[in-house]
Amino acid sequence: MSQQTLSVKSREGIGRGHSRRLRAQGMIPAVIYGKSGNRNFSVAERDFRMLMREVSGGAALITLKNEDSGESLLSVVQATQRNSLTDRFEHIDFHEVTRGEKMTGHIPVHTTGEPVGVKVGGGVLDVVIHEVEIVCLPKDLPESIEIDVSGLDVGQAIHISELPALKGIEYHGDPSAVVVTIAGKTTEEEAAPAEEVAADSVEATSQKGDAEQDEKADS
């Protein structure tokens, strides 16, 4: 489990105009949702990007330290919004967590190993679910769920019910849902013979029909 600290500042203003001014100053509008109510604040984009690089896309517990009030809140990132053109962060949602109380989180799925169905069978690894929902205590929060796919052959899959058992972790979601699978690879060369067979079949049927018409005409 990764634990990080992030400095934040109180934010009184809301609305698009206020948010635009914050972004122009290199700050990201943010909110933390918690039992005691929601709080608005801002985060330096440079600091948040450094934190994201530090955790490498994994889940992490983040202590938010308010420079104005001195308050500290334990949290996880719930959602982020980015500008599709500039890739800059436009908003962050945090969720407050309490030590000793179970929390719900979405944890990224990472695969390890080269599937036999890819290496030998020419298949393609398809990660269907990129994040799985879990329930655990904050101290048990994993950075990611590692799945060994080296034994998977073409047509085989790993379901939520088959994810590795981790201490203190409960998986949520449909147990039969496919997380990763090895799909067969269809090439243009494989598709071409089928098209040729279909064309030959149509031509043969046409010739048979013409012959029957000739016989009827002769009679």
C-alpha atoms as a PDB file:
ATOM      1  CA  MET A   1       0.000   0.000   0.000  1.00  0.00           C
ATOM      2  CA  SER A   2       1.300   3.423  -0.976  1.00  0.00           C
ATOM      3  CA  GLN A   3       0.818   6.340   1.441  1.00  0.00           C
ATOM      4  CA  GLN A   4       1.301   9.892   0.197  1.00  0.00           C
ATOM      5  CA  THR A   5       0.904  13.441   1.499  1.00  0.00           C
ATOM      6  CA  LEU A   6      -0.529  16.315  -0.533  1.00  0.00           C
ATOM      7  CA  SER A   7      -0.761  19.996   0.419  1.00  0.00           C
ATOM      8  CA  VAL A   8      -4.089  21.705  -0.322  1.00  0.00           C
ATOM      9  CA  LYS A   9      -5.607  25.151   0.161  1.00  0.00           C
ATOM     10  CA  SER A  10      -9.129  26.107   1.212  1.00  0.00           C
ATOM     11  CA  ARG A  11     -11.407  27.245  -1.613  1.00  0.00           C
ATOM     12  CA  GLU A  12     -14.408  29.453  -0.925  1.00  0.00           C
ATOM     13  CA  GLY A  13     -15.408  30.380  -4.467  1.00  0.00           C
ATOM     14  CA  ILE A  14     -17.232  28.032  -6.830  1.00  0.00           C
ATOM     15  CA  GLY A  15     -18.376  28.207 -10.439  1.00  0.00           C
ATOM     16  CA  ARG A  16     -16.696  28.178 -13.836  1.00  0.00           C
ATOM     17  CA  GLY A  17     -15.158  31.629 -13.563  1.00  0.00           C
ATOM     18  CA  HIS A  18     -13.504  30.870 -10.234  1.00  0.00           C
ATOM     19  CA  SER A  19     -12.278  27.486 -11.508  1.00  0.00           C
ATOM     20  CA  ARG A  20     -10.771  29.065 -14.636  1.00  0.00           C
ATOM     21  CA  ARG A  21      -8.866  31.583 -12.516  1.00  0.00           C
ATOM     22  CA  LEU A  22      -7.497  28.794 -10.337  1.00  0.00           C
ATOM     23  CA  ARG A  23      -6.314  26.795 -13.348  1.00  0.00           C
ATOM     24  CA  ALA A  24      -4.642  29.903 -14.786  1.00  0.00           C
ATOM     25  CA  GLN A  25      -2.628  30.031 -11.540  1.00  0.00           C
ATOM     26  CA  GLY A  26      -1.560  26.386 -11.895  1.00  0.00           C
ATOM     27  CA  MET A  27      -4.092  25.127  -9.346  1.00  0.00           C
ATOM     28  CA  ILE A  28      -6.711  22.366  -9.693  1.00  0.00           C
ATOM     29  CA  PRO A  29     -10.206  22.772  -8.181  1.00  0.00           C
ATOM     30  CA  ALA A  30     -10.978  19.801  -5.935  1.00  0.00           C
ATOM     31  CA  VAL A  31     -13.537  18.486  -3.462  1.00  0.00           C
ATOM     32  CA  ILE A  32     -13.403  15.816  -0.767  1.00  0.00           C
ATOM     33  CA  TYR A  33     -16.569  13.872   0.045  1.00  0.00           C
ATOM     34  CA  GLY A  34     -16.895  12.650   3.620  1.00  0.00           C
ATOM     35  CA  LYS A  35     -19.215  11.819   6.515  1.00  0.00           C
ATOM     36  CA  SER A  36     -18.810  15.270   8.026  1.00  0.00           C
ATOM     37  CA  GLY A  37     -19.728  16.985   4.763  1.00  0.00           C
ATOM     38  CA  ASN A  38     -18.007  18.002   1.565  1.00  0.00           C
ATOM     39  CA  ARG A  39     -15.089  20.438   1.459  1.00  0.00           C
ATOM     40  CA  ASN A  40     -13.852  22.482  -1.489  1.00  0.00           C
ATOM     41  CA  PHE A  41     -10.166  23.200  -1.898  1.00  0.00           C
ATOM     42  CA  SER A  42      -7.449  23.568  -4.529  1.00  0.00           C
ATOM     43  CA  VAL A  43      -4.308  21.570  -5.297  1.00  0.00           C
ATOM     44  CA  ALA A  44      -1.149  22.661  -7.110  1.00  0.00           C
ATOM     45  CA  GLU A  45      -1.181  20.798 -10.428  1.00  0.00           C
ATOM     46  CA  ARG A  46       2.584  20.263 -10.275  1.00  0.00           C
ATOM     47  CA  ASP A  47       2.286  18.570  -6.864  1.00  0.00           C
ATOM     48  CA  PHE A  48      -0.590  16.345  -7.984  1.00  0.00           C
ATOM     49  CA  ARG A  49       1.239  15.238 -11.138  1.00  0.00           C
ATOM     50  CA  MET A  50       4.303  14.348  -9.067  1.00  0.00           C
ATOM     51  CA  LEU A  51       2.097  12.304  -6.738  1.00  0.00           C
ATOM     52  CA  MET A  52       0.512  10.458  -9.660  1.00  0.00           C
ATOM     53  CA  ARG A  53       3.949   9.602 -11.041  1.00  0.00           C
ATOM     54  CA  GLU A  54       4.980   8.396  -7.589  1.00  0.00           C
ATOM     55  CA  VAL A  55       2.111   5.898  -7.354  1.00  0.00           C
ATOM     56  CA  SER A  56       2.425   4.916 -11.055  1.00  0.00           C
ATOM     57  CA  GLY A  57      -1.317   4.702 -11.609  1.00  0.00           C
ATOM     58  CA  GLY A  58      -1.919   2.492  -8.580  1.00  0.00           C
ATOM     59  CA  ALA A  59      -4.238   3.097  -5.639  1.00  0.00           C
ATOM     60  CA  ALA A  60      -2.880   5.048  -2.679  1.00  0.00           C
ATOM     61  CA  LEU A  61      -3.909   6.510   0.653  1.00  0.00           C
ATOM     62  CA  ILE A  62      -3.378  10.269   0.533  1.00  0.00           C
ATOM     63  CA  THR A  63      -3.195  12.539   3.562  1.00  0.00           C
ATOM     64  CA  LEU A  64      -4.503  15.962   2.535  1.00  0.00           C
ATOM     65  CA  LYS A  65      -2.871  18.701   4.618  1.00  0.00           C
ATOM     66  CA  ASN A  66      -4.706  22.020   4.535  1.00  0.00           C
ATOM     67  CA  GLU A  67      -2.163  24.852   4.555  1.00  0.00           C
ATOM     68  CA  ASP A  68      -4.813  27.320   5.759  1.00  0.00           C
ATOM     69  CA  SER A  69      -6.508  25.437   8.600  1.00  0.00           C
ATOM     70  CA  GLY A  70      -3.822  22.896   9.477  1.00  0.00           C
ATOM     71  CA  GLU A  71      -6.412  20.112   9.175  1.00  0.00           C
ATOM     72  CA  SER A  72      -5.356  16.702   7.855  1.00  0.00           C
ATOM     73  CA  LEU A  73      -7.744  14.300   6.133  1.00  0.00           C
ATOM     74  CA  LEU A  74      -7.070  10.739   4.998  1.00  0.00           C
ATOM     75  CA  SER A  75      -8.429  10.107   1.502  1.00  0.00           C
ATOM     76  CA  VAL A  76      -8.269   8.254  -1.796  1.00  0.00           C
ATOM     77  CA  VAL A  77      -8.682   9.666  -5.297  1.00  0.00           C
ATOM     78  CA  GLN A  78     -12.232   8.947  -6.424  1.00  0.00           C
ATOM     79  CA  ALA A  79     -12.195  10.549  -9.885  1.00  0.00           C
ATOM     80  CA  THR A  80     -10.284  13.031 -12.023  1.00  0.00           C
ATOM     81  CA  GLN A  81     -11.296  15.153 -14.995  1.00  0.00           C
ATOM     82  CA  ARG A  82      -8.830  16.098 -17.728  1.00  0.00           C
ATOM     83  CA  ASN A  83      -8.912  18.444 -20.685  1.00  0.00           C
ATOM     84  CA  SER A  84      -9.015  16.231 -23.786  1.00  0.00           C
ATOM     85  CA  LEU A  85      -6.865  18.677 -25.772  1.00  0.00           C
ATOM     86  CA  THR A  86      -4.226  19.743 -23.244  1.00  0.00           C
ATOM     87  CA  ASP A  87      -4.352  16.674 -20.930  1.00  0.00           C
ATOM     88  CA  ARG A  88      -4.304  19.073 -17.967  1.00  0.00           C
ATOM     89  CA  PHE A  89      -6.231  18.131 -14.835  1.00  0.00           C
ATOM     90  CA  GLU A  90      -9.418  20.182 -14.527  1.00  0.00           C
ATOM     91  CA  HIS A  91     -10.959  18.739 -11.352  1.00  0.00           C
ATOM     92  CA  ILE A  92     -10.284  16.104  -8.690  1.00  0.00           C
ATOM     93  CA  ASP A  93     -12.736  14.234  -6.469  1.00  0.00           C
ATOM     94  CA  PHE A  94     -11.347  12.753  -3.250  1.00  0.00           C
ATOM     95  CA  HIS A  95     -13.169  10.404  -0.881  1.00  0.00           C
ATOM     96  CA  GLU A  96     -12.468  10.657   2.855  1.00  0.00           C
ATOM     97  CA  VAL A  97     -11.651   7.384   4.623  1.00  0.00           C
ATOM     98  CA  THR A  98     -11.334   6.543   8.314  1.00  0.00           C
ATOM     99  CA  ARG A  99      -8.701   4.230   9.725  1.00  0.00           C
ATOM    100  CA  GLY A 100     -10.306   1.121  11.206  1.00  0.00           C
ATOM    101  CA  GLU A 101     -13.439   1.446   9.038  1.00  0.00           C
ATOM    102  CA  LYS A 102     -13.982  -0.510   5.836  1.00  0.00           C
ATOM    103  CA  MET A 103     -13.881   1.445   2.599  1.00  0.00           C
ATOM    104  CA  THR A 104     -14.822   0.783  -1.015  1.00  0.00           C
ATOM    105  CA  GLY A 105     -12.257   1.386  -3.729  1.00  0.00           C
ATOM    106  CA  HIS A 106     -11.531   0.689  -7.380  1.00  0.00           C
ATOM    107  CA  ILE A 107      -8.141  -0.927  -7.873  1.00  0.00           C
ATOM    108  CA  PRO A 108      -6.289  -1.222 -11.222  1.00  0.00           C
ATOM    109  CA  VAL A 109      -5.668  -4.661 -12.713  1.00  0.00           C
ATOM    110  CA  HIS A 110      -2.097  -5.468 -13.815  1.00  0.00           C
ATOM    111  CA  THR A 111      -1.193  -8.620 -15.739  1.00  0.00           C
ATOM    112  CA  THR A 112       2.090 -10.511 -15.452  1.00  0.00           C
ATOM    113  CA  GLY A 113       3.623 -13.156 -17.697  1.00  0.00           C
ATOM    114  CA  GLU A 114       3.178 -13.950 -21.394  1.00  0.00           C
ATOM    115  CA  PRO A 115       0.095 -16.103 -22.083  1.00  0.00           C
ATOM    116  CA  VAL A 116       0.751 -19.398 -23.847  1.00  0.00           C
ATOM    117  CA  GLY A 117      -2.216 -18.544 -26.083  1.00  0.00           C
ATOM    118  CA  VAL A 118      -0.358 -15.455 -27.302  1.00  0.00           C
ATOM    119  CA  LYS A 119       3.140 -16.923 -27.437  1.00  0.00           C
ATOM    120  CA  VAL A 120       2.195 -20.209 -29.115  1.00  0.00           C
ATOM    121  CA  GLY A 121      -1.423 -19.891 -30.223  1.00  0.00           C
ATOM    122  CA  GLY A 122      -1.206 -16.485 -31.896  1.00  0.00           C
ATOM    123  CA  GLY A 123      -4.030 -15.081 -29.774  1.00  0.00           C
ATOM    124  CA  VAL A 124      -4.459 -11.596 -28.314  1.00  0.00           C
ATOM    125  CA  LEU A 125      -4.615 -10.703 -24.615  1.00  0.00           C
ATOM    126  CA  ASP A 126      -7.820  -8.766 -23.921  1.00  0.00           C
ATOM    127  CA  VAL A 127      -8.139  -6.986 -20.563  1.00  0.00           C
ATOM    128  CA  VAL A 128     -11.910  -6.582 -20.234  1.00  0.00           C
ATOM    129  CA  ILE A 129     -12.040  -5.061 -16.725  1.00  0.00           C
ATOM    130  CA  HIS A 130      -9.263  -2.555 -16.006  1.00  0.00           C
ATOM    131  CA  GLU A 131     -10.345  -1.785 -12.433  1.00  0.00           C
ATOM    132  CA  VAL A 132     -12.062  -4.040  -9.907  1.00  0.00           C
ATOM    133  CA  GLU A 133     -14.182  -2.870  -6.991  1.00  0.00           C
ATOM    134  CA  ILE A 134     -13.034  -4.019  -3.565  1.00  0.00           C
ATOM    135  CA  VAL A 135     -13.974  -3.517   0.089  1.00  0.00           C
ATOM    136  CA  CYS A 136     -11.239  -3.441   2.733  1.00  0.00           C
ATOM    137  CA  LEU A 137      -9.754  -1.539   5.648  1.00  0.00           C
ATOM    138  CA  PRO A 138      -7.533   1.393   4.626  1.00  0.00           C
ATOM    139  CA  LYS A 139      -4.452  -0.427   5.961  1.00  0.00           C
ATOM    140  CA  ASP A 140      -5.141  -3.349   3.588  1.00  0.00           C
ATOM    141  CA  LEU A 141      -5.626  -1.244   0.443  1.00  0.00           C
ATOM    142  CA  PRO A 142      -3.503  -2.763  -2.367  1.00  0.00           C
ATOM    143  CA  GLU A 143      -1.875  -0.585  -5.018  1.00  0.00           C
ATOM    144  CA  SER A 144      -3.048  -2.981  -7.744  1.00  0.00           C
ATOM    145  CA  ILE A 145      -4.358  -6.494  -8.372  1.00  0.00           C
ATOM    146  CA  GLU A 146      -1.657  -8.623 -10.021  1.00  0.00           C
ATOM    147  CA  ILE A 147      -2.934 -11.418 -12.294  1.00  0.00           C
ATOM    148  CA  ASP A 148      -0.606 -14.102 -13.697  1.00  0.00           C
ATOM    149  CA  VAL A 149      -1.856 -14.816 -17.224  1.00  0.00           C
ATOM    150  CA  SER A 150       1.036 -17.021 -18.393  1.00  0.00           C
ATOM    151  CA  GLY A 151      -1.088 -20.195 -18.276  1.00  0.00           C
ATOM    152  CA  LEU A 152      -3.982 -18.831 -20.349  1.00  0.00           C
ATOM    153  CA  ASP A 153      -4.605 -20.396 -23.764  1.00  0.00           C
ATOM    154  CA  VAL A 154      -6.805 -19.146 -26.605  1.00  0.00           C
ATOM    155  CA  GLY A 155     -10.442 -19.051 -25.497  1.00  0.00           C
ATOM    156  CA  GLN A 156      -9.616 -19.195 -21.799  1.00  0.00           C
ATOM    157  CA  ALA A 157     -10.373 -16.429 -19.282  1.00  0.00           C
ATOM    158  CA  ILE A 158      -9.986 -15.336 -15.674  1.00  0.00           C
ATOM    159  CA  HIS A 159     -13.170 -14.251 -13.889  1.00  0.00           C
ATOM    160  CA  ILE A 160     -13.704 -12.092 -10.807  1.00  0.00           C
ATOM    161  CA  SER A 161     -14.294 -15.269  -8.780  1.00  0.00           C
ATOM    162  CA  GLU A 162     -10.806 -16.464  -9.807  1.00  0.00           C
ATOM    163  CA  LEU A 163      -8.862 -13.341  -8.801  1.00  0.00           C
ATOM    164  CA  PRO A 164      -6.018 -13.943  -6.337  1.00  0.00           C
ATOM    165  CA  ALA A 165      -7.067 -14.102  -2.686  1.00  0.00           C
ATOM    166  CA  LEU A 166      -5.593 -11.179  -0.740  1.00  0.00           C
ATOM    167  CA  LYS A 167      -5.742 -10.787   3.032  1.00  0.00           C
ATOM    168  CA  GLY A 168      -8.558  -8.484   4.101  1.00  0.00           C
ATOM    169  CA  ILE A 169      -9.818  -7.936   0.535  1.00  0.00           C
ATOM    170  CA  GLU A 170     -13.393  -8.609  -0.623  1.00  0.00           C
ATOM    171  CA  TYR A 171     -14.085  -8.449  -4.354  1.00  0.00           C
ATOM    172  CA  HIS A 172     -17.382  -6.919  -5.438  1.00  0.00           C
ATOM    173  CA  GLY A 173     -19.149  -7.398  -8.760  1.00  0.00           C
ATOM    174  CA  ASP A 174     -20.514 -10.356 -10.722  1.00  0.00           C
ATOM    175  CA  PRO A 175     -18.296 -13.367  -9.852  1.00  0.00           C
ATOM    176  CA  SER A 176     -18.742 -14.683 -13.409  1.00  0.00           C
ATOM    177  CA  ALA A 177     -17.603 -11.425 -15.045  1.00  0.00           C
ATOM    178  CA  VAL A 178     -14.551 -11.863 -17.296  1.00  0.00           C
ATOM    179  CA  VAL A 179     -11.529  -9.825 -16.219  1.00  0.00           C
ATOM    180  CA  VAL A 180      -9.024 -10.999 -18.855  1.00  0.00           C
ATOM    181  CA  THR A 181      -9.274 -13.421 -21.763  1.00  0.00           C
ATOM    182  CA  ILE A 182      -7.238 -14.657 -24.726  1.00  0.00           C
ATOM    183  CA  ALA A 183      -9.063 -13.957 -27.976  1.00  0.00           C
ATOM    184  CA  GLY A 184      -8.303 -15.847 -31.175  1.00  0.00           C
ATOM    185  CA  LYS A 185      -6.609 -13.796 -33.871  1.00  0.00           C
ATOM    186  CA  THR A 186      -8.398 -13.658 -37.231  1.00  0.00           C
ATOM    187  CA  THR A 187      -6.133 -12.580 -40.091  1.00  0.00           C
ATOM    188  CA  GLU A 188      -7.041 -11.392 -43.582  1.00  0.00           C
ATOM    189  CA  GLU A 189      -5.383 -14.522 -44.967  1.00  0.00           C
ATOM    190  CA  GLU A 190      -7.725 -16.725 -42.905  1.00  0.00           C
ATOM    191  CA  ALA A 191     -10.780 -14.759 -43.963  1.00  0.00           C
ATOM    192  CA  ALA A 192      -9.920 -14.780 -47.687  1.00  0.00           C
ATOM    193  CA  PRO A 193     -10.392 -18.563 -48.325  1.00  0.00           C
ATOM    194  CA  ALA A 194     -13.835 -18.405 -46.720  1.00  0.00           C
ATOM    195  CA  GLU A 195     -14.806 -15.589 -49.076  1.00  0.00           C
ATOM    196  CA  GLU A 196     -13.458 -17.561 -52.066  1.00  0.00           C
ATOM    197  CA  VAL A 197     -15.459 -20.661 -51.055  1.00  0.00           C
ATOM    198  CA  ALA A 198     -18.601 -18.556 -50.784  1.00  0.00           C
ATOM    199  CA  ALA A 199     -17.982 -17.043 -54.223  1.00  0.00           C
ATOM    200  CA  ASP A 200     -17.358 -20.491 -55.770  1.00  0.00           C
ATOM    201  CA  SER A 201     -20.576 -21.764 -54.205  1.00  0.00           C
ATOM    202  CA  VAL A 202     -22.577 -18.903 -55.704  1.00  0.00           C
ATOM    203  CA  GLU A 203     -21.005 -19.492 -59.120  1.00  0.00           C
ATOM    204  CA  ALA A 204     -21.736 -23.240 -59.003  1.00  0.00           C
ATOM    205  CA  THR A 205     -25.338 -22.578 -58.012  1.00  0.00           C
ATOM    206  CA  SER A 206     -25.686 -20.108 -60.863  1.00  0.00           C
ATOM    207  CA  GLN A 207     -24.286 -22.601 -63.390  1.00  0.00           C
ATOM    208  CA  LYS A 208     -26.651 -25.311 -62.111  1.00  0.00           C
ATOM    209  CA  GLY A 209     -29.594 -22.962 -62.493  1.00  0.00           C
ATOM    210  CA  ASP A 210     -28.579 -22.087 -66.066  1.00  0.00           C
ATOM    211  CA  ALA A 211     -28.316 -25.786 -66.974  1.00  0.00           C
ATOM    212  CA  GLU A 212     -31.800 -26.488 -65.599  1.00  0.00           C
ATOM    213  CA  GLN A 213     -33.206 -23.578 -67.588  1.00  0.00           C
ATOM    214  CA  ASP A 214     -31.568 -24.965 -70.775  1.00  0.00           C
ATOM    215  CA  GLU A 215     -33.075 -28.423 -70.158  1.00  0.00           C
ATOM    216  CA  LYS A 216     -36.529 -26.899 -69.732  1.00  0.00           C
ATOM    217  CA  ALA A 217     -36.098 -24.904 -72.928  1.00  0.00           C
ATOM    218  CA  ASP A 218     -35.048 -28.011 -74.883  1.00  0.00           C
ATOM    219  CA  SER A 219     -38.086 -29.921 -73.640  1.00  0.00           C
END
